[in-house]
Protein backbone atom coordinates (compact mmCIF):
# COMPACT_ATOMS: atom_id res chain seq x y z
CA MET A 1 8.29 18.88 6.29
CA ILE A 2 7.46 16.67 3.38
CA ILE A 3 6.82 13.44 5.49
CA PRO A 4 3.02 14.20 5.40
CA ASP A 5 3.10 13.99 1.56
CA LEU A 6 5.14 10.79 1.66
CA LEU A 7 3.22 8.50 4.15
CA PRO A 8 -0.30 7.05 4.10
CA GLN A 9 -3.14 9.24 5.20
CA ASN A 10 -3.99 6.78 7.99
CA ILE A 11 -0.86 7.59 9.73
CA ASN A 12 -1.38 10.36 12.42
CA LYS A 13 2.06 10.64 14.18
CA VAL A 14 5.71 10.31 13.22
CA LEU A 15 8.74 10.29 15.42
CA TYR A 16 11.62 11.55 13.34
CA LEU A 17 15.20 11.04 14.64
CA ASP A 18 18.53 12.02 12.80
CA SER A 19 20.60 9.22 11.80
CA ASP A 20 23.55 10.38 14.15
CA LEU A 21 21.39 10.09 17.26
CA VAL A 22 22.14 7.24 19.69
CA VAL A 23 18.99 6.03 21.60
CA ILE A 24 19.75 4.12 24.84
CA SER A 25 16.39 3.74 26.30
CA SER A 26 12.73 3.40 25.35
CA LEU A 27 11.16 6.22 23.04
CA GLU A 28 7.60 5.30 24.28
CA GLU A 29 7.34 8.24 26.55
CA LEU A 30 8.37 10.61 24.04
CA TYR A 31 6.08 9.05 21.53
CA GLN A 32 3.15 9.25 23.77
CA VAL A 33 3.36 13.14 24.26
CA ASN A 34 0.08 14.66 23.25
CA LEU A 35 0.67 16.83 20.02
CA ASN A 36 -2.94 17.01 18.92
CA ASP A 37 -2.84 21.00 18.87
CA TYR A 38 0.50 21.12 17.13
CA PHE A 39 1.87 20.70 13.68
CA LEU A 40 5.57 20.12 14.83
CA ALA A 41 7.34 19.64 18.10
CA ALA A 42 11.28 20.34 18.22
CA GLN A 43 13.91 21.50 20.46
CA GLY A 44 15.25 24.72 19.32
CA SER A 45 16.42 28.22 20.04
CA ARG A 46 13.94 30.98 20.45
CA LYS A 47 16.64 33.55 19.70
CA THR A 48 17.56 32.15 16.33
CA GLY A 49 14.28 30.41 15.39
CA TYR A 50 16.53 27.27 14.53
CA PHE A 51 15.50 23.94 15.63
CA ASN A 52 17.29 20.67 15.34
CA SER A 53 15.51 17.86 13.49
CA ALA A 54 16.46 15.36 16.05
CA ALA A 55 14.78 16.99 19.00
C-alpha cells in the first residue's frame, strides 16, 4: 500500500508479485488489464475480506 509513496510520480501502474510465486509464461496480458477506475486489483475472498498480495 506504500508503493505509490516510494515510486516516481510518472509511474502509473505496478504489477506486484510475491517472491514465492513462480511465473511460467508472459505477464503481458495481466499487465494490460485496464484498471483505470480501480485503486487495487487482487484475488481474494469475499467472505473474509482477505486478499493475497500475489494475485
